[in-house]
Amino acid sequence: MNILSNPHFSVAGGLLLCMLGLQQAQAAVALDRTRAVFNDGEKSISLSISNDNKTLPYLAQGWVEDAQGNKITSPLTALPPLQRLEPGAKSQIKIQALPGANLLARDRETLFYFNLREIPPKSEKPNTLQLALQTRIKLFYRPKALGATTGMVPWQEQLTLSKQGDKYQVNNPTPYYVTIVDAGSEPGPNGADGFEPIMLAPQGNEMLNLGASVLGPTPVLTYVNDYGGRPQLQFTCNGNDCKAKPTKPN
């Protein structure tokens, strides 16, 4: 059966909402993670999806975008691109590597995005607005040259801060992408108000939007690790230069 021709589904009339944190809690079709890592040498990785609606079937559409947000089918592609999920059902979407993956950078990660859109069944009620909710997560291609990461001291501890005027610049000397989601003047769940998250490219740097006076002489940054966890880094400063304190061994 061609699910696209099924009269119970309407794609064109839907309203697409791209919400980067809220949508997953509200969506019927849920993804099992907030980011994904594709290790060089793997043929594919599997992402688990589920239809949390217990009464209605949904279509699940998956695709990959490059770092600029362009939809692509190589060197990584999502299979199947479209599938039907019965009420309460679970399934998987595979991210598969194609031969073009061999041309990706060998000395640093490459950034992609995985998108998952749910398409609801057509409502039988007139004048009904239907929503096609979408989840978008970061997908990192990690080359073998970077080595195994399991059990390693977090590479995020190599981040440094440099004071420039009344702002801190975050410097990333590593070959990995690092996402900073919070900042404050001391460890704890409550960061400084008004912080704007940033993503540091490999060998890149970014300015924090908060003043150095707000973060104080021992700034704390919260980053997102491979598993979606949010560890914190506390920095000690000597003049205008700051280094992260090493993680204490367990």
Protein backbone atom coordinates (compact mmCIF):
# COMPACT_ATOMS: atom_id res chain seq x y z
CA MET A 1 0.00 0.00 0.00
CA ASN A 2 1.27 3.47 -0.88
CA ILE A 3 1.04 5.32 2.42
CA LEU A 4 1.35 8.67 0.68
CA SER A 5 -1.89 8.01 -1.20
CA ASN A 6 -3.75 6.99 1.95
CA PRO A 7 -6.71 9.41 2.31
CA HIS A 8 -6.34 9.36 6.10
CA PHE A 9 -3.14 11.41 5.91
CA SER A 10 -2.75 15.05 4.89
CA VAL A 11 0.71 16.58 4.42
CA ALA A 12 0.05 19.78 2.48
CA GLY A 13 -2.45 21.16 4.96
CA GLY A 14 -0.19 20.70 7.95
CA LEU A 15 1.63 23.48 9.79
CA LEU A 16 5.30 22.77 10.43
CA LEU A 17 6.58 23.81 13.86
CA CYS A 18 10.32 23.59 14.45
CA MET A 19 10.86 23.73 18.19
CA LEU A 20 14.21 22.56 19.55
CA GLY A 21 13.33 21.25 22.97
CA LEU A 22 9.66 21.70 23.59
CA GLN A 23 8.53 19.77 20.54
CA GLN A 24 9.80 16.40 21.71
CA ALA A 25 7.63 16.47 24.84
CA GLN A 26 4.52 17.42 22.82
CA ALA A 27 5.09 15.33 19.72
CA ALA A 28 3.37 12.00 19.14
CA VAL A 29 6.41 10.60 17.32
CA ALA A 30 9.36 10.66 19.72
CA LEU A 31 13.09 10.17 19.12
CA ASP A 32 15.28 8.30 21.63
CA ARG A 33 18.09 10.90 21.81
CA THR A 34 18.97 14.56 21.53
CA ARG A 35 22.14 14.09 19.44
CA ALA A 36 23.85 11.33 17.50
CA VAL A 37 27.46 10.36 16.75
CA PHE A 38 28.34 8.41 13.60
CA ASN A 39 31.76 6.82 14.08
CA ASP A 40 33.94 6.36 11.01
CA GLY A 41 34.02 2.69 10.02
CA GLU A 42 30.40 2.00 10.92
CA LYS A 43 28.09 1.16 8.03
CA SER A 44 25.08 2.59 9.80
CA ILE A 45 23.63 3.64 13.15
CA SER A 46 20.05 3.10 14.29
CA LEU A 47 17.83 5.69 15.92
CA SER A 48 14.75 4.43 17.79
CA ILE A 49 11.43 6.17 17.27
CA SER A 50 8.00 5.58 18.77
CA ASN A 51 4.43 6.69 18.29
CA ASP A 52 3.35 7.73 21.78
CA ASN A 53 -0.22 8.29 20.65
CA LYS A 54 -2.20 5.21 21.69
CA THR A 55 -5.17 5.76 19.38
CA LEU A 56 -3.95 7.26 16.09
CA PRO A 57 -1.38 6.16 13.48
CA TYR A 58 1.24 8.65 12.31
CA LEU A 59 3.69 8.90 9.46
CA ALA A 60 7.34 9.44 10.42
CA GLN A 61 9.56 11.22 7.90
CA GLY A 62 13.33 11.31 8.42
CA TRP A 63 16.12 13.03 6.53
CA VAL A 64 19.67 14.39 6.91
CA GLU A 65 20.86 17.96 6.38
CA ASP A 66 24.37 19.36 6.01
CA ALA A 67 25.77 22.04 8.32
CA GLN A 68 24.11 24.77 6.23
CA GLY A 69 20.67 23.17 6.59
CA ASN A 70 20.47 21.78 3.06
CA LYS A 71 18.67 18.45 2.70
CA ILE A 72 21.09 15.77 1.47
CA THR A 73 21.10 12.07 0.54
CA SER A 74 24.91 11.63 0.57
CA PRO A 75 27.36 10.99 2.23
CA LEU A 76 24.83 10.12 4.96
CA THR A 77 21.23 9.19 4.30
CA ALA A 78 18.19 8.24 6.42
CA LEU A 79 16.35 4.97 5.70
CA PRO A 80 13.47 4.56 5.37
CA PRO A 81 12.72 8.18 4.49
CA LEU A 82 9.04 7.65 5.32
CA GLN A 83 7.21 5.02 7.37
CA ARG A 84 3.87 4.47 9.08
CA LEU A 85 3.72 3.97 12.83
CA GLU A 86 0.64 2.35 14.29
CA PRO A 87 -0.70 3.60 17.66
CA GLY A 88 1.84 2.87 20.39
CA ALA A 89 4.26 1.26 17.93
CA LYS A 90 8.06 1.49 17.95
CA SER A 91 10.44 1.42 15.01
CA GLN A 92 13.89 2.50 13.84
CA ILE A 93 15.45 4.83 11.32
CA LYS A 94 18.93 3.99 10.07
CA ILE A 95 21.52 6.61 9.22
CA GLN A 96 23.61 4.92 6.55
CA ALA A 97 27.03 5.92 5.26
CA LEU A 98 27.58 6.02 1.50
CA PRO A 99 30.96 5.93 -0.30
CA GLY A 100 31.17 9.71 -0.18
CA ALA A 101 31.78 9.50 3.59
CA ASN A 102 35.38 8.57 2.74
CA LEU A 103 35.87 12.12 1.47
CA LEU A 104 34.93 13.77 4.77
CA ALA A 105 37.61 15.43 6.90
CA ARG A 106 39.92 12.96 8.64
CA ASP A 107 41.28 15.34 11.28
CA ARG A 108 38.04 16.74 12.74
CA GLU A 109 34.36 16.06 13.15
CA THR A 110 31.87 16.98 10.43
CA LEU A 111 28.49 18.42 11.44
CA PHE A 112 25.18 17.21 10.03
CA TYR A 113 21.59 17.42 11.29
CA PHE A 114 19.00 14.65 11.52
CA ASN A 115 15.37 15.66 11.16
CA LEU A 116 12.29 13.71 12.21
CA ARG A 117 8.87 14.99 11.21
CA GLU A 118 5.57 13.49 12.31
CA ILE A 119 2.61 13.67 9.95
CA PRO A 120 -0.76 13.22 11.67
CA PRO A 121 -3.81 11.51 10.15
CA LYS A 122 -6.28 13.80 8.43
CA SER A 123 -8.95 15.03 10.80
CA GLU A 124 -12.55 14.21 10.02
CA LYS A 125 -13.64 17.50 11.63
CA PRO A 126 -14.06 20.54 9.36
CA ASN A 127 -11.91 23.66 9.79
CA THR A 128 -9.31 21.79 11.85
CA LEU A 129 -5.71 23.02 11.98
CA GLN A 130 -3.27 20.12 11.86
CA LEU A 131 0.30 20.30 13.13
CA ALA A 132 3.27 18.46 11.67
CA LEU A 133 5.80 18.65 14.50
CA GLN A 134 9.50 18.30 13.75
CA THR A 135 12.54 17.34 15.80
CA ARG A 136 16.04 18.38 14.67
CA ILE A 137 19.19 17.07 16.35
CA LYS A 138 22.90 17.43 15.74
CA LEU A 139 24.57 14.50 13.98
CA PHE A 140 28.37 14.35 14.23
CA TYR A 141 30.54 12.27 11.89
CA ARG A 142 33.63 11.31 13.89
CA PRO A 143 36.69 10.03 11.96
CA LYS A 144 38.85 7.16 13.21
CA ALA A 145 41.90 9.42 13.46
CA LEU A 146 40.40 11.03 16.55
CA GLY A 147 40.67 7.73 18.40
CA ALA A 148 38.35 6.06 20.88
CA THR A 149 36.58 8.34 23.34
CA THR A 150 35.21 5.82 25.84
CA GLY A 151 36.98 6.23 29.18
CA MET A 152 38.94 9.28 28.02
CA VAL A 153 39.22 12.47 30.02
CA PRO A 154 36.55 14.71 28.45
CA TRP A 155 38.11 16.69 25.61
CA GLN A 156 35.94 19.60 26.66
CA GLU A 157 38.40 20.13 29.53
CA GLN A 158 40.81 21.47 26.92
CA LEU A 159 38.62 24.52 26.39
CA THR A 160 40.13 27.81 27.51
CA LEU A 161 38.75 31.27 28.12
CA SER A 162 40.45 34.54 27.22
CA LYS A 163 39.18 37.85 28.53
CA GLN A 164 38.70 40.47 25.86
CA GLY A 165 37.40 43.72 27.25
CA ASP A 166 34.39 42.87 29.40
CA LYS A 167 33.67 39.58 27.61
CA TYR A 168 35.11 36.07 27.65
CA GLN A 169 36.07 34.32 24.43
CA VAL A 170 35.80 30.52 24.50
CA ASN A 171 38.58 28.75 22.62
CA ASN A 172 38.24 25.18 21.37
CA PRO A 173 41.63 23.66 20.46
CA THR A 174 40.11 20.19 19.91
CA PRO A 175 38.94 18.45 16.70
CA TYR A 176 35.43 18.06 18.18
CA TYR A 177 32.33 20.22 18.16
CA VAL A 178 31.39 21.51 21.63
CA THR A 179 27.99 22.92 22.54
CA ILE A 180 27.81 25.29 25.52
CA VAL A 181 24.28 25.58 26.90
CA ASP A 182 24.75 27.55 30.12
CA ALA A 183 27.22 29.73 32.00
CA GLY A 184 27.46 31.13 35.50
CA SER A 185 29.75 32.32 38.24
CA GLU A 186 29.56 29.12 40.34
CA PRO A 187 28.66 25.43 39.91
CA GLY A 188 25.00 24.52 40.20
CA PRO A 189 21.81 24.19 38.20
CA ASN A 190 21.10 27.91 37.97
CA GLY A 191 23.24 29.76 35.46
CA ALA A 192 23.30 33.46 34.73
CA ASP A 193 20.17 35.02 33.26
CA GLY A 194 20.24 35.87 29.59
CA PHE A 195 22.91 33.40 28.47
CA GLU A 196 22.74 32.50 24.77
CA PRO A 197 23.96 28.94 23.94
CA ILE A 198 26.78 28.58 21.42
CA MET A 199 28.35 25.77 19.41
CA LEU A 200 32.12 25.80 18.99
CA ALA A 201 33.50 24.35 15.77
CA PRO A 202 36.74 22.31 15.88
CA GLN A 203 39.69 24.67 16.35
CA GLY A 204 37.17 27.50 16.64
CA ASN A 205 36.27 30.21 19.12
CA GLU A 206 33.18 32.19 20.09
CA MET A 207 32.41 35.13 22.36
CA LEU A 208 30.08 34.61 25.31
CA ASN A 209 27.28 37.16 25.29
CA LEU A 210 27.49 37.82 29.05
CA GLY A 211 29.96 40.25 30.56
CA ALA A 212 33.01 38.98 32.42
CA SER A 213 31.77 40.82 35.50
CA VAL A 214 28.63 38.63 35.48
CA LEU A 215 30.61 35.36 35.28
CA GLY A 216 33.26 36.46 37.76
CA PRO A 217 36.87 35.25 38.19
CA THR A 218 35.92 31.53 38.26
CA PRO A 219 33.44 31.09 35.38
CA VAL A 220 31.48 27.85 35.02
CA LEU A 221 30.37 26.56 31.61
CA THR A 222 27.85 23.77 31.03
CA TYR A 223 28.33 21.65 27.91
CA VAL A 224 26.42 18.78 26.30
CA ASN A 225 28.22 15.44 26.04
CA ASP A 226 27.65 12.58 23.59
CA TYR A 227 24.82 11.17 25.69
CA GLY A 228 22.89 14.39 26.14
CA GLY A 229 24.23 14.89 29.68
CA ARG A 230 25.20 18.36 30.88
CA PRO A 231 28.50 18.32 32.82
CA GLN A 232 29.98 21.55 34.10
CA LEU A 233 33.48 22.98 33.69
CA GLN A 234 34.85 25.40 36.28
CA PHE A 235 37.66 27.67 35.16
CA THR A 236 40.46 29.32 37.07
CA CYS A 237 41.86 32.54 35.66
CA ASN A 238 45.36 33.98 35.69
CA GLY A 239 45.15 37.46 34.30
CA ASN A 240 43.16 37.32 31.09
CA ASP A 241 43.62 33.58 30.52
CA CYS A 242 41.49 30.84 32.10
CA LYS A 243 41.85 27.06 32.14
CA ALA A 244 39.32 24.39 33.08
CA LYS A 245 39.86 22.45 36.29
CA PRO A 246 40.47 18.74 35.60
CA THR A 247 37.70 16.32 36.43
CA LYS A 248 38.27 14.56 39.74
CA PRO A 249 38.72 10.79 39.36
CA ASN A 250 35.88 8.60 40.66
